[in-house]
């Protein structure tokens, strides 16, 4: 929650959190947000504080920020200062624009750095260094970018980075995509790299101290938008006359030229899309034989979005749905590009009149009933109606992400894959097959590697081929605490013992296609009941965001299905920040149906725990 503080206290916080750039500090390994952080305070800033932040950012990033300031810090936006306690128990400041993390204070350097969300809007804000795509996973795991892993536009690893001081802001991207994958500060000055080159020695050491990457907990604190694709070749063609030869250079105007060219590219794309839309509209007008007025255009758009919403957005589990929610949520989501539904700009003026007109035009397509006094809801949809089929045929290509074979919009199922990584004690076994400590292995990979190690070391018992003699490496790795080291095991016992000593990993692919790798075993979604004050039953839902499900979206759907209150709370369990959904009443059956039918979560990934009611008088049976 936001809270108001006095101006003097806010000034004190400002002086402590935002010293002028740059300030040198000590190196701390790992990114700042590789582990969950705790929000200590959330303060809304005044307009005078916005102007001060804008001035500080202009002093840090120069004309590049000045040109994009209106888009990065809009005048009517809500700017908040979030004080976060990191996993190292040190504090930092996060500046959020309309709830989206935009800038943060790098610790311990106290440098204002942009988030990846800001860098995607303005790629030229911070000079960019390139690295290989195989390195991105290491950076997201908390590693710093080493100098041997830095490449330039020409493919060199030791030149073309320009002159820069230590602790200078830098963005990191891959050669195939200019969209930033992380941000940090330089570990050394350019003079140190030049000294290594002058001495004809290979470039070694850290290049960038990574502070924030895609998929870390600062990214999760925002809108979780997937990384866009920005073509470097397109930018290179537009900036080849602006001296933009290498990324990462601090020469004046290079980053500005990059940002300007990106804005020009986006503007050109938008203009071309608008022109294309105008051509299509003009073609439709010629076929109609008359000019279409604004009111008639809105009527056509309403009808198209209405049919698409019935075909793709409304599911059987959603029914009944309020007519207001149907218009606001389902129909609005069927708009394309800059389209936006405005019922007041149509000939119907009201949603009820529009639905009545659609009911008269498409008889038997859907049913609207008054579920309570003065409240109308869509209670039934005939997905086999010819109008819906025709809409799917005519406009189905506008929504390519939806399954046209389903009677309603099917949410893409989150998928998960389970892996095991070798522990330190098991490395002698798996290194023989070329695996490293961070390798992700399936059951078949483990079986193949163990079998190869056993046969290459001739460990199979000659008398009993089903038994294995353990050498020192296997015996040490499989030894249990407080028990003697094993010397002879069957094949199945050996496989179980090896898997028990390995480190579990799991990968979640969310419904939006984002891949997130987690350490540890995959935790199922927990649905349980509990008692609150007055012996009231509530339903608690935990661990839904691991599967790419928005807790707020689930709470809104359950509130509609159960016709009761539903809310989202922050919950800390074993040092991990999690969001818990609370639904009033016993909604276990409805929640499990919603998770399986709407979000396509498999049944084995859901655990149900039913609580017991209290006995009257607080005493149980003897």
Foldseek 3Di string as FASTA:
>chain_A
DEDDDDPVVVVVVCCVAADAPWADDDADFFAQQQADKAWPHKYWDDLVVVVVVLVRLCVQQNVLCVVCVCVLAPPPWIWIWTWIQTPVRDIWIFIDTNQATAWIQDPPGRDIDGALVNCLLFVLSFFEWEFAPVCLVVVSNGGFAKQQRTAKPVGDRQDDQAWDAWQRKYFYDHQAFSRGFFIFTAHGTNVVSVVCVVVVHDGTDGGGRTHHGQPGVSCVSGPSDDTDGDGPVQLCVQCVVVPLRITNHPPPPNSNSSRVSVVVVVVVVVVVVVVVVVVVQVVVCVVVVHDQDQQNVLLVLQVLLLLQLQQAVDDLLLPFAWLVCCVPPRSQVLDDDPDGHDCCSYPQNDSVSSVVVVCVVQPPQWDWDAPDVPTITTHDGDLPGPVSVVSCVPPVVSCVLADNVDSYGAQAAKDKDKWWFADPLCCVQQVVVVDDRPDTHDLVRLLVSNVVSQVVVVQQDPVDRQKGADDPSLQVQQDDPPDHGDGMDGPVVSSVSRRVSTWMKMWIQESVRDIDIDTHDQAFWEWEWDADPPQWIKIKIWDPVVNVDDLVVLQVSVCSSVVFHKDWDWDADPNHIIIMIITTDPCRVVSLCCCCRHNVDDPVRYDYYYDDGADPPRDDDD
